[in-house]
């Protein structure tokens, strides 16, 4: 009987672990241009141009593109920039506050 209970406990733990691994680490949903306008109006988000200009000045780089995404209940602008040395930098800016959340050079991401 004890062995049977141990088996069920082990089986349920394995099922839970496999289920947890199958879930993405961060829920990430990105929006189209029209959806971005709707989300900005609905949630009082900052305009993307402000974050793009901040990122370009901060990294001394040219902005290649930006998109609004939702990560774990937070809206962020994912901004891609091209630095003068040819490296692409991807940065995340909080869409409400305009503050930088994260940035990574493309080469750093590959290593």
PDB file of N, CA and C in Angstrom:
ATOM      1  N   UNK A   1       0.813  -1.184   0.000  1.00  0.00           N
ATOM      2  CA  UNK A   1       0.000   0.000   0.000  1.00  0.00           C
ATOM      3  C   UNK A   1       0.862   1.256   0.000  1.00  0.00           C
ATOM      4  N   UNK A   2       1.902   1.287   0.847  1.00  0.00           N
ATOM      5  CA  UNK A   2       2.795   2.443   0.919  1.00  0.00           C
ATOM      6  C   UNK A   2       3.525   2.621  -0.410  1.00  0.00           C
ATOM      7  N   UNK A   3       3.938   1.507  -1.009  1.00  0.00           N
ATOM      8  CA  UNK A   3       4.621   1.588  -2.304  1.00  0.00           C
ATOM      9  C   UNK A   3       3.695   2.156  -3.371  1.00  0.00           C
ATOM     10  N   UNK A   4       2.426   1.788  -3.309  1.00  0.00           N
ATOM     11  CA  UNK A   4       1.446   2.289  -4.273  1.00  0.00           C
ATOM     12  C   UNK A   4       1.234   3.799  -4.107  1.00  0.00           C
ATOM     13  N   UNK A   5       1.162   4.266  -2.877  1.00  0.00           N
ATOM     14  CA  UNK A   5       1.012   5.697  -2.599  1.00  0.00           C
ATOM     15  C   UNK A   5       2.262   6.438  -3.089  1.00  0.00           C
ATOM     16  N   UNK A   6       3.430   5.874  -2.811  1.00  0.00           N
ATOM     17  CA  UNK A   6       4.679   6.480  -3.279  1.00  0.00           C
ATOM     18  C   UNK A   6       4.714   6.589  -4.790  1.00  0.00           C
ATOM     19  N   UNK A   7       4.205   5.562  -5.477  1.00  0.00           N
ATOM     20  CA  UNK A   7       4.154   5.573  -6.942  1.00  0.00           C
ATOM     21  C   UNK A   7       3.270   6.707  -7.447  1.00  0.00           C
ATOM     22  N   UNK A   8       2.084   6.874  -6.830  1.00  0.00           N
ATOM     23  CA  UNK A   8       1.172   7.940  -7.248  1.00  0.00           C
ATOM     24  C   UNK A   8       1.760   9.329  -6.980  1.00  0.00           C
ATOM     25  N   UNK A   9       2.443   9.476  -5.847  1.00  0.00           N
ATOM     26  CA  UNK A   9       3.080  10.757  -5.526  1.00  0.00           C
ATOM     27  C   UNK A   9       4.162  11.056  -6.557  1.00  0.00           C
ATOM     28  N   UNK A  10       4.982  10.064  -6.882  1.00  0.00           N
ATOM     29  CA  UNK A  10       6.044  10.247  -7.867  1.00  0.00           C
ATOM     30  C   UNK A  10       5.454  10.559  -9.236  1.00  0.00           C
ATOM     31  N   UNK A  11       4.418   9.843  -9.633  1.00  0.00           N
ATOM     32  CA  UNK A  11       3.788  10.076 -10.931  1.00  0.00           C
ATOM     33  C   UNK A  11       3.189  11.474 -11.010  1.00  0.00           C
ATOM     34  N   UNK A  12       2.557  11.933  -9.937  1.00  0.00           N
ATOM     35  CA  UNK A  12       1.966  13.274  -9.971  1.00  0.00           C
ATOM     36  C   UNK A  12       3.048  14.346  -9.980  1.00  0.00           C
ATOM     37  N   UNK A  13       4.162  14.111  -9.277  1.00  0.00           N
ATOM     38  CA  UNK A  13       5.275  15.071  -9.304  1.00  0.00           C
ATOM     39  C   UNK A  13       5.872  15.155 -10.700  1.00  0.00           C
ATOM     40  N   UNK A  14       6.053  14.016 -11.342  1.00  0.00           N
ATOM     41  CA  UNK A  14       6.597  14.022 -12.701  1.00  0.00           C
ATOM     42  C   UNK A  14       5.650  14.725 -13.656  1.00  0.00           C
ATOM     43  N   UNK A  15       4.364  14.488 -13.528  1.00  0.00           N
ATOM     44  CA  UNK A  15       3.382  15.160 -14.374  1.00  0.00           C
ATOM     45  C   UNK A  15       3.405  16.658 -14.178  1.00  0.00           C
ATOM     46  N   UNK A  16       3.555  17.089 -12.944  1.00  0.00           N
ATOM     47  CA  UNK A  16       3.618  18.516 -12.652  1.00  0.00           C
ATOM     48  C   UNK A  16       4.879  19.129 -13.244  1.00  0.00           C
ATOM     49  N   UNK A  17       6.008  18.466 -13.087  1.00  0.00           N
ATOM     50  CA  UNK A  17       7.280  18.994 -13.604  1.00  0.00           C
ATOM     51  C   UNK A  17       7.270  19.083 -15.121  1.00  0.00           C
ATOM     52  N   UNK A  18       6.774  18.061 -15.786  1.00  0.00           N
ATOM     53  CA  UNK A  18       6.704  18.087 -17.245  1.00  0.00           C
ATOM     54  C   UNK A  18       5.758  19.194 -17.694  1.00  0.00           C
ATOM     55  N   UNK A  19       4.648  19.375 -17.011  1.00  0.00           N
ATOM     56  CA  UNK A  19       3.707  20.450 -17.346  1.00  0.00           C
ATOM     57  C   UNK A  19       4.323  21.817 -17.139  1.00  0.00           C
ATOM     58  N   UNK A  20       5.108  21.973 -16.089  1.00  0.00           N
ATOM     59  CA  UNK A  20       5.756  23.252 -15.822  1.00  0.00           C
ATOM     60  C   UNK A  20       6.796  23.565 -16.890  1.00  0.00           C
ATOM     61  N   UNK A  21       7.514  22.546 -17.362  1.00  0.00           N
ATOM     62  CA  UNK A  21       8.508  22.768 -18.401  1.00  0.00           C
ATOM     63  C   UNK A  21       7.863  23.125 -19.735  1.00  0.00           C
ATOM     64  N   UNK A  22       6.665  22.635 -19.959  1.00  0.00           N
ATOM     65  CA  UNK A  22       5.988  22.908 -21.225  1.00  0.00           C
ATOM     66  C   UNK A  22       5.486  24.344 -21.303  1.00  0.00           C
ATOM     67  N   UNK A  23       5.298  25.012 -20.150  1.00  0.00           N
ATOM     68  CA  UNK A  23       4.828  26.386 -20.135  1.00  0.00           C
ATOM     69  C   UNK A  23       5.965  27.329 -20.509  1.00  0.00           C
ATOM     70  N   UNK A  24       5.702  28.373 -21.307  1.00  0.00           N
ATOM     71  CA  UNK A  24       6.750  29.326 -21.634  1.00  0.00           C
ATOM     72  C   UNK A  24       7.153  30.106 -20.397  1.00  0.00           C
ATOM     73  N   UNK A  25       8.437  30.519 -20.364  1.00  0.00           N
ATOM     74  CA  UNK A  25       8.946  31.258 -19.215  1.00  0.00           C
ATOM     75  C   UNK A  25       8.237  32.605 -19.094  1.00  0.00           C
ATOM     76  N   UNK A  26       7.976  33.246 -20.220  1.00  0.00           N
ATOM     77  CA  UNK A  26       7.287  34.522 -20.215  1.00  0.00           C
ATOM     78  C   UNK A  26       6.220  34.498 -21.293  1.00  0.00           C
ATOM     79  N   UNK A  27       5.025  34.884 -20.908  1.00  0.00           N
ATOM     80  CA  UNK A  27       3.989  35.022 -21.922  1.00  0.00           C
ATOM     81  C   UNK A  27       4.310  36.283 -22.708  1.00  0.00           C
ATOM     82  N   UNK A  28       4.381  36.163 -24.019  1.00  0.00           N
ATOM     83  CA  UNK A  28       4.774  37.284 -24.850  1.00  0.00           C
ATOM     84  C   UNK A  28       3.817  37.395 -26.027  1.00  0.00           C
ATOM     85  N   UNK A  29       3.082  38.488 -26.075  1.00  0.00           N
ATOM     86  CA  UNK A  29       2.151  38.733 -27.159  1.00  0.00           C
ATOM     87  C   UNK A  29       2.482  40.097 -27.734  1.00  0.00           C
ATOM     88  N   UNK A  30       2.747  40.153 -29.042  1.00  0.00           N
ATOM     89  CA  UNK A  30       3.046  41.415 -29.697  1.00  0.00           C
ATOM     90  C   UNK A  30       1.864  41.836 -30.557  1.00  0.00           C
ATOM     91  N   UNK A  31       1.726  43.144 -30.750  1.00  0.00           N
ATOM     92  CA  UNK A  31       0.558  43.712 -31.403  1.00  0.00           C
ATOM     93  C   UNK A  31       0.903  44.333 -32.752  1.00  0.00           C
ATOM     94  N   UNK A  32      -0.090  44.350 -33.635  1.00  0.00           N
ATOM     95  CA  UNK A  32       0.035  45.021 -34.925  1.00  0.00           C
ATOM     96  C   UNK A  32      -0.037  46.534 -34.690  1.00  0.00           C
ATOM     97  N   UNK A  33       0.179  47.303 -35.745  1.00  0.00           N
ATOM     98  CA  UNK A  33       0.129  48.759 -35.630  1.00  0.00           C
ATOM     99  C   UNK A  33      -1.246  49.227 -35.156  1.00  0.00           C
ATOM    100  N   UNK A  34      -2.307  48.696 -35.750  1.00  0.00           N
ATOM    101  CA  UNK A  34      -3.661  49.086 -35.348  1.00  0.00           C
ATOM    102  C   UNK A  34      -3.947  48.679 -33.907  1.00  0.00           C
ATOM    103  N   UNK A  35      -3.535  47.472 -33.537  1.00  0.00           N
ATOM    104  CA  UNK A  35      -3.738  47.003 -32.162  1.00  0.00           C
ATOM    105  C   UNK A  35      -2.931  47.843 -31.181  1.00  0.00           C
ATOM    106  N   UNK A  36      -1.739  48.273 -31.604  1.00  0.00           N
ATOM    107  CA  UNK A  36      -0.900  49.119 -30.750  1.00  0.00           C
ATOM    108  C   UNK A  36      -1.615  50.424 -30.443  1.00  0.00           C
ATOM    109  N   UNK A  37      -2.196  51.052 -31.456  1.00  0.00           N
ATOM    110  CA  UNK A  37      -2.942  52.300 -31.234  1.00  0.00           C
ATOM    111  C   UNK A  37      -4.079  52.072 -30.240  1.00  0.00           C
ATOM    112  N   UNK A  38      -4.785  50.963 -30.385  1.00  0.00           N
ATOM    113  CA  UNK A  38      -5.888  50.642 -29.470  1.00  0.00           C
ATOM    114  C   UNK A  38      -5.388  50.446 -28.039  1.00  0.00           C
ATOM    115  N   UNK A  39      -4.274  49.728 -27.890  1.00  0.00           N
ATOM    116  CA  UNK A  39      -3.729  49.457 -26.556  1.00  0.00           C
ATOM    117  C   UNK A  39      -3.220  50.745 -25.899  1.00  0.00           C
ATOM    118  N   UNK A  40      -2.609  51.626 -26.691  1.00  0.00           N
ATOM    119  CA  UNK A  40      -2.125  52.910 -26.156  1.00  0.00           C
ATOM    120  C   UNK A  40      -3.301  53.702 -25.598  1.00  0.00           C
ATOM    121  N   UNK A  41      -4.384  53.771 -26.369  1.00  0.00           N
ATOM    122  CA  UNK A  41      -5.566  54.517 -25.930  1.00  0.00           C
ATOM    123  C   UNK A  41      -6.240  53.852 -24.728  1.00  0.00           C
ATOM    124  N   UNK A  42      -6.352  52.552 -24.749  1.00  0.00           N
ATOM    125  CA  UNK A  42      -7.071  51.830 -23.691  1.00  0.00           C
ATOM    126  C   UNK A  42      -6.326  51.815 -22.358  1.00  0.00           C
ATOM    127  N   UNK A  43      -4.987  51.786 -22.406  1.00  0.00           N
ATOM    128  CA  UNK A  43      -4.204  51.617 -21.172  1.00  0.00           C
ATOM    129  C   UNK A  43      -3.364  52.834 -20.807  1.00  0.00           C
ATOM    130  N   UNK A  44      -3.491  53.914 -21.550  1.00  0.00           N
ATOM    131  CA  UNK A  44      -2.743  55.130 -21.226  1.00  0.00           C
ATOM    132  C   UNK A  44      -1.244  54.955 -21.365  1.00  0.00           C
ATOM    133  N   UNK A  45      -0.814  54.254 -22.390  1.00  0.00           N
ATOM    134  CA  UNK A  45       0.619  53.999 -22.594  1.00  0.00           C
ATOM    135  C   UNK A  45       1.274  55.195 -23.286  1.00  0.00           C
ATOM    136  N   UNK A  46       2.587  55.299 -23.127  1.00  0.00           N
ATOM    137  CA  UNK A  46       3.318  56.364 -23.801  1.00  0.00           C
ATOM    138  C   UNK A  46       3.412  56.049 -25.293  1.00  0.00           C
ATOM    139  N   UNK A  47       3.618  57.072 -26.081  1.00  0.00           N
ATOM    140  CA  UNK A  47       3.778  56.891 -27.518  1.00  0.00           C
ATOM    141  C   UNK A  47       5.110  56.198 -27.794  1.00  0.00           C
ATOM    142  N   UNK A  48       5.169  55.301 -28.779  1.00  0.00           N
ATOM    143  CA  UNK A  48       6.409  54.569 -29.047  1.00  0.00           C
ATOM    144  C   UNK A  48       7.558  55.473 -29.496  1.00  0.00           C
ATOM    145  N   UNK A  49       7.257  56.580 -30.170  1.00  0.00           N
ATOM    146  CA  UNK A  49       8.320  57.460 -30.659  1.00  0.00           C
ATOM    147  C   UNK A  49       9.204  57.965 -29.528  1.00  0.00           C
ATOM    148  N   UNK A  50       8.608  58.251 -28.379  1.00  0.00           N
ATOM    149  CA  UNK A  50       9.390  58.727 -27.225  1.00  0.00           C
ATOM    150  C   UNK A  50      10.413  57.672 -26.785  1.00  0.00           C
ATOM    151  N   UNK A  51       9.981  56.419 -26.696  1.00  0.00           N
ATOM    152  CA  UNK A  51      10.902  55.345 -26.292  1.00  0.00           C
ATOM    153  C   UNK A  51      11.952  55.086 -27.366  1.00  0.00           C
ATOM    154  N   UNK A  52      11.556  55.184 -28.633  1.00  0.00           N
ATOM    155  CA  UNK A  52      12.513  54.982 -29.733  1.00  0.00           C
ATOM    156  C   UNK A  52      13.599  56.050 -29.678  1.00  0.00           C
ATOM    157  N   UNK A  53      13.203  57.296 -29.478  1.00  0.00           N
ATOM    158  CA  UNK A  53      14.177  58.385 -29.400  1.00  0.00           C
ATOM    159  C   UNK A  53      15.103  58.218 -28.202  1.00  0.00           C
ATOM    160  N   UNK A  54      14.544  57.811 -27.063  1.00  0.00           N
ATOM    161  CA  UNK A  54      15.354  57.562 -25.861  1.00  0.00           C
ATOM    162  C   UNK A  54      16.390  56.467 -26.117  1.00  0.00           C
ATOM    163  N   UNK A  55      15.924  55.371 -26.714  1.00  0.00           N
ATOM    164  CA  UNK A  55      16.814  54.238 -26.973  1.00  0.00           C
ATOM    165  C   UNK A  55      17.915  54.627 -27.952  1.00  0.00           C
ATOM    166  N   UNK A  56      17.561  55.344 -29.017  1.00  0.00           N
ATOM    167  CA  UNK A  56      18.557  55.754 -30.020  1.00  0.00           C
ATOM    168  C   UNK A  56      19.614  56.653 -29.386  1.00  0.00           C
ATOM    169  N   UNK A  57      19.198  57.573 -28.534  1.00  0.00           N
ATOM    170  CA  UNK A  57      20.154  58.455 -27.864  1.00  0.00           C
ATOM    171  C   UNK A  57      21.010  57.683 -26.864  1.00  0.00           C
ATOM    172  N   UNK A  58      20.383  56.804 -26.111  1.00  0.00           N
ATOM    173  CA  UNK A  58      21.104  56.035 -25.082  1.00  0.00           C
ATOM    174  C   UNK A  58      22.191  55.158 -25.694  1.00  0.00           C
ATOM    175  N   UNK A  59      21.876  54.474 -26.775  1.00  0.00           N
ATOM    176  CA  UNK A  59      22.821  53.534 -27.383  1.00  0.00           C
ATOM    177  C   UNK A  59      23.623  54.156 -28.526  1.00  0.00           C
ATOM    178  N   UNK A  60      23.392  55.437 -28.800  1.00  0.00           N
ATOM    179  CA  UNK A  60      24.032  56.117 -29.932  1.00  0.00           C
ATOM    180  C   UNK A  60      23.900  55.243 -31.171  1.00  0.00           C
ATOM    181  N   UNK A  61      22.652  54.941 -31.496  1.00  0.00           N
ATOM    182  CA  UNK A  61      22.359  54.005 -32.568  1.00  0.00           C
ATOM    183  C   UNK A  61      21.149  54.481 -33.361  1.00  0.00           C
ATOM    184  N   UNK A  62      20.962  53.858 -34.507  1.00  0.00           N
ATOM    185  CA  UNK A  62      19.819  54.169 -35.356  1.00  0.00           C
ATOM    186  C   UNK A  62      18.719  53.142 -35.106  1.00  0.00           C
ATOM    187  N   UNK A  63      17.526  53.636 -34.892  1.00  0.00           N
ATOM    188  CA  UNK A  63      16.391  52.739 -34.647  1.00  0.00           C
ATOM    189  C   UNK A  63      16.010  52.019 -35.928  1.00  0.00           C
ATOM    190  N   UNK A  64      15.850  50.708 -35.833  1.00  0.00           N
ATOM    191  CA  UNK A  64      15.428  49.902 -36.976  1.00  0.00           C
ATOM    192  C   UNK A  64      13.937  49.606 -36.932  1.00  0.00           C
ATOM    193  N   UNK A  65      13.402  49.467 -35.734  1.00  0.00           N
ATOM    194  CA  UNK A  65      11.989  49.159 -35.603  1.00  0.00           C
ATOM    195  C   UNK A  65      11.589  49.023 -34.153  1.00  0.00           C
ATOM    196  N   UNK A  66      10.285  49.063 -33.937  1.00  0.00           N
ATOM    197  CA  UNK A  66       9.753  48.915 -32.578  1.00  0.00           C
ATOM    198  C   UNK A  66       8.382  48.269 -32.669  1.00  0.00           C
ATOM    199  N   UNK A  67       8.045  47.532 -31.628  1.00  0.00           N
ATOM    200  CA  UNK A  67       6.711  46.950 -31.550  1.00  0.00           C
ATOM    201  C   UNK A  67       6.281  46.880 -30.097  1.00  0.00           C
ATOM    202  N   UNK A  68       4.977  46.979 -29.894  1.00  0.00           N
ATOM    203  CA  UNK A  68       4.411  46.880 -28.562  1.00  0.00           C
ATOM    204  C   UNK A  68       4.127  45.420 -28.266  1.00  0.00           C
ATOM    205  N   UNK A  69       4.588  44.964 -27.115  1.00  0.00           N
ATOM    206  CA  UNK A  69       4.349  43.585 -26.691  1.00  0.00           C
ATOM    207  C   UNK A  69       3.864  43.587 -25.250  1.00  0.00           C
ATOM    208  N   UNK A  70       3.214  42.505 -24.883  1.00  0.00           N
ATOM    209  CA  UNK A  70       2.774  42.318 -23.510  1.00  0.00           C
ATOM    210  C   UNK A  70       3.540  41.141 -22.941  1.00  0.00           C
ATOM    211  N   UNK A  71       4.239  41.380 -21.860  1.00  0.00           N
ATOM    212  CA  UNK A  71       5.009  40.343 -21.170  1.00  0.00           C
ATOM    213  C   UNK A  71       4.585  40.299 -19.717  1.00  0.00           C
ATOM    214  N   UNK A  72       4.042  39.178 -19.326  1.00  0.00           N
ATOM    215  CA  UNK A  72       3.651  38.987 -17.917  1.00  0.00           C
ATOM    216  C   UNK A  72       2.884  40.186 -17.363  1.00  0.00           C
ATOM    217  N   UNK A  73       1.800  40.571 -17.984  1.00  0.00           N
ATOM    218  CA  UNK A  73       0.924  41.653 -17.532  1.00  0.00           C
ATOM    219  C   UNK A  73       1.548  43.043 -17.622  1.00  0.00           C
ATOM    220  N   UNK A  74       2.673  43.182 -18.301  1.00  0.00           N
ATOM    221  CA  UNK A  74       3.293  44.498 -18.484  1.00  0.00           C
ATOM    222  C   UNK A  74       3.443  44.762 -19.978  1.00  0.00           C
ATOM    223  N   UNK A  75       3.196  45.995 -20.364  1.00  0.00           N
ATOM    224  CA  UNK A  75       3.386  46.384 -21.752  1.00  0.00           C
ATOM    225  C   UNK A  75       4.801  46.915 -21.925  1.00  0.00           C
ATOM    226  N   UNK A  76       5.493  46.443 -22.956  1.00  0.00           N
ATOM    227  CA  UNK A  76       6.845  46.912 -23.253  1.00  0.00           C
ATOM    228  C   UNK A  76       6.967  47.188 -24.746  1.00  0.00           C
ATOM    229  N   UNK A  77       7.851  48.124 -25.068  1.00  0.00           N
ATOM    230  CA  UNK A  77       8.213  48.342 -26.458  1.00  0.00           C
ATOM    231  C   UNK A  77       9.509  47.583 -26.704  1.00  0.00           C
ATOM    232  N   UNK A  78       9.503  46.681 -27.680  1.00  0.00           N
ATOM    233  CA  UNK A  78      10.716  45.994 -28.107  1.00  0.00           C
ATOM    234  C   UNK A  78      11.302  46.827 -29.233  1.00  0.00           C
ATOM    235  N   UNK A  79      12.492  47.354 -29.003  1.00  0.00           N
ATOM    236  CA  UNK A  79      13.115  48.269 -29.957  1.00  0.00           C
ATOM    237  C   UNK A  79      14.413  47.650 -30.459  1.00  0.00           C
ATOM    238  N   UNK A  80      14.569  47.619 -31.776  1.00  0.00           N
ATOM    239  CA  UNK A  80      15.799  47.127 -32.409  1.00  0.00           C
ATOM    240  C   UNK A  80      16.575  48.325 -32.917  1.00  0.00           C
ATOM    241  N   UNK A  81      17.887  48.332 -32.620  1.00  0.00           N
ATOM    242  CA  UNK A  81      18.747  49.444 -33.001  1.00  0.00           C
ATOM    243  C   UNK A  81      20.016  48.930 -33.662  1.00  0.00           C
ATOM    244  N   UNK A  82      20.566  49.723 -34.547  1.00  0.00           N
ATOM    245  CA  UNK A  82      21.834  49.402 -35.195  1.00  0.00           C
ATOM    246  C   UNK A  82      22.881  50.380 -34.692  1.00  0.00           C
ATOM    247  N   UNK A  83      23.885  49.849 -33.978  1.00  0.00           N
ATOM    248  CA  UNK A  83      24.961  50.696 -33.468  1.00  0.00           C
ATOM    249  C   UNK A  83      25.955  51.019 -34.573  1.00  0.00           C
ATOM    250  N   UNK A  84      26.800  51.993 -34.328  1.00  0.00           N
ATOM    251  CA  UNK A  84      27.797  52.422 -35.316  1.00  0.00           C
ATOM    252  C   UNK A  84      28.809  51.336 -35.638  1.00  0.00           C
ATOM    253  N   UNK A  85      29.037  50.427 -34.684  1.00  0.00           N
ATOM    254  CA  UNK A  85      29.994  49.340 -34.925  1.00  0.00           C
ATOM    255  C   UNK A  85      29.353  48.164 -35.659  1.00  0.00           C
ATOM    256  N   UNK A  86      28.088  48.313 -36.065  1.00  0.00           N
ATOM    257  CA  UNK A  86      27.406  47.279 -36.835  1.00  0.00           C
ATOM    258  C   UNK A  86      26.637  46.269 -36.012  1.00  0.00           C
ATOM    259  N   UNK A  87      26.702  46.356 -34.695  1.00  0.00           N
ATOM    260  CA  UNK A  87      25.977  45.408 -33.841  1.00  0.00           C
ATOM    261  C   UNK A  87      24.527  45.845 -33.684  1.00  0.00           C
ATOM    262  N   UNK A  88      23.653  44.865 -33.667  1.00  0.00           N
ATOM    263  CA  UNK A  88      22.239  45.131 -33.436  1.00  0.00           C
ATOM    264  C   UNK A  88      21.954  44.969 -31.950  1.00  0.00           C
ATOM    265  N   UNK A  89      21.273  45.949 -31.403  1.00  0.00           N
ATOM    266  CA  UNK A  89      20.905  45.937 -29.992  1.00  0.00           C
ATOM    267  C   UNK A  89      19.389  45.844 -29.916  1.00  0.00           C
ATOM    268  N   UNK A  90      18.910  44.982 -29.056  1.00  0.00           N
ATOM    269  CA  UNK A  90      17.478  44.876 -28.805  1.00  0.00           C
ATOM    270  C   UNK A  90      17.241  45.328 -27.367  1.00  0.00           C
ATOM    271  N   UNK A  91      16.336  46.263 -27.217  1.00  0.00           N
ATOM    272  CA  UNK A  91      16.066  46.778 -25.880  1.00  0.00           C
ATOM    273  C   UNK A  91      14.569  46.769 -25.610  1.00  0.00           C
ATOM    274  N   UNK A  92      14.230  46.673 -24.346  1.00  0.00           N
ATOM    275  CA  UNK A  92      12.839  46.696 -23.900  1.00  0.00           C
ATOM    276  C   UNK A  92      12.630  47.940 -23.050  1.00  0.00           C
ATOM    277  N   UNK A  93      11.588  48.681 -23.382  1.00  0.00           N
ATOM    278  CA  UNK A  93      11.229  49.860 -22.615  1.00  0.00           C
ATOM    279  C   UNK A  93       9.813  49.689 -22.085  1.00  0.00           C
ATOM    280  N   UNK A  94       9.616  50.028 -20.816  1.00  0.00           N
ATOM    281  CA  UNK A  94       8.296  49.976 -20.213  1.00  0.00           C
ATOM    282  C   UNK A  94       7.397  50.955 -20.962  1.00  0.00           C
ATOM    283  N   UNK A  95       6.286  50.487 -21.472  1.00  0.00           N
ATOM    284  CA  UNK A  95       5.409  51.322 -22.296  1.00  0.00           C
ATOM    285  C   UNK A  95       4.627  52.344 -21.471  1.00  0.00           C
ATOM    286  N   UNK A  96       4.540  52.158 -20.178  1.00  0.00           N
ATOM    287  CA  UNK A  96       3.853  53.145 -19.327  1.00  0.00           C
ATOM    288  C   UNK A  96       4.806  54.250 -18.897  1.00  0.00           C
ATOM    289  N   UNK A  97       5.987  53.862 -18.395  1.00  0.00           N
ATOM    290  CA  UNK A  97       6.912  54.839 -17.817  1.00  0.00           C
ATOM    291  C   UNK A  97       7.976  55.332 -18.793  1.00  0.00           C
ATOM    292  N   UNK A  98       8.252  54.564 -19.826  1.00  0.00           N
ATOM    293  CA  UNK A  98       9.307  54.929 -20.766  1.00  0.00           C
ATOM    294  C   UNK A  98      10.703  54.569 -20.280  1.00  0.00           C
ATOM    295  N   UNK A  99      10.802  53.847 -19.166  1.00  0.00           N
ATOM    296  CA  UNK A  99      12.101  53.457 -18.611  1.00  0.00           C
ATOM    297  C   UNK A  99      12.600  52.172 -19.254  1.00  0.00           C
ATOM    298  N   UNK A 100      13.923  52.059 -19.388  1.00  0.00           N
ATOM    299  CA  UNK A 100      14.510  50.850 -19.964  1.00  0.00           C
ATOM    300  C   UNK A 100      14.313  49.683 -18.996  1.00  0.00           C
ATOM    301  N   UNK A 101      13.956  48.534 -19.562  1.00  0.00           N
ATOM    302  CA  UNK A 101      13.732  47.328 -18.772  1.00  0.00           C
ATOM    303  C   UNK A 101      14.884  46.357 -18.984  1.00  0.00           C
ATOM    304  N   UNK A 102      15.322  46.225 -20.244  1.00  0.00           N
ATOM    305  CA  UNK A 102      16.354  45.235 -20.580  1.00  0.00           C
ATOM    306  C   UNK A 102      16.955  45.602 -21.928  1.00  0.00           C
ATOM    307  N   UNK A 103      18.233  45.241 -22.113  1.00  0.00           N
ATOM    308  CA  UNK A 103      18.831  45.398 -23.441  1.00  0.00           C
ATOM    309  C   UNK A 103      19.889  44.325 -23.649  1.00  0.00           C
ATOM    310  N   UNK A 104      20.025  43.889 -24.894  1.00  0.00           N
ATOM    311  CA  UNK A 104      21.009  42.870 -25.235  1.00  0.00           C
ATOM    312  C   UNK A 104      21.514  43.119 -26.648  1.00  0.00           C
ATOM    313  N   UNK A 105      22.805  42.980 -26.813  1.00  0.00           N
ATOM    314  CA  UNK A 105      23.376  43.027 -28.154  1.00  0.00           C
ATOM    315  C   UNK A 105      23.134  41.669 -28.807  1.00  0.00           C
ATOM    316  N   UNK A 106      22.973  41.630 -30.096  1.00  0.00           N
ATOM    317  CA  UNK A 106      22.692  40.395 -30.802  1.00  0.00           C
ATOM    318  C   UNK A 106      23.812  39.377 -30.601  1.00  0.00           C
ATOM    319  N   UNK A 107      25.048  39.798 -30.590  1.00  0.00           N
ATOM    320  CA  UNK A 107      26.182  38.881 -30.400  1.00  0.00           C
ATOM    321  C   UNK A 107      26.141  38.263 -29.009  1.00  0.00           C
ATOM    322  N   UNK A 108      25.762  39.036 -27.989  1.00  0.00           N
ATOM    323  CA  UNK A 108      25.686  38.513 -26.620  1.00  0.00           C
ATOM    324  C   UNK A 108      24.629  37.433 -26.525  1.00  0.00           C
ATOM    325  N   UNK A 109      23.545  37.574 -27.276  1.00  0.00           N
ATOM    326  CA  UNK A 109      22.452  36.607 -27.236  1.00  0.00           C
ATOM    327  C   UNK A 109      22.854  35.287 -27.848  1.00  0.00           C
ATOM    328  N   UNK A 110      23.773  35.318 -28.840  1.00  0.00           N
ATOM    329  CA  UNK A 110      24.207  34.098 -29.500  1.00  0.00           C
ATOM    330  C   UNK A 110      25.137  33.277 -28.629  1.00  0.00           C
ATOM    331  N   UNK A 111      25.882  33.928 -27.741  1.00  0.00           N
ATOM    332  CA  UNK A 111      26.870  33.215 -26.901  1.00  0.00           C
ATOM    333  C   UNK A 111      26.242  32.621 -25.693  1.00  0.00           C
TER     334      UNK A 111
END
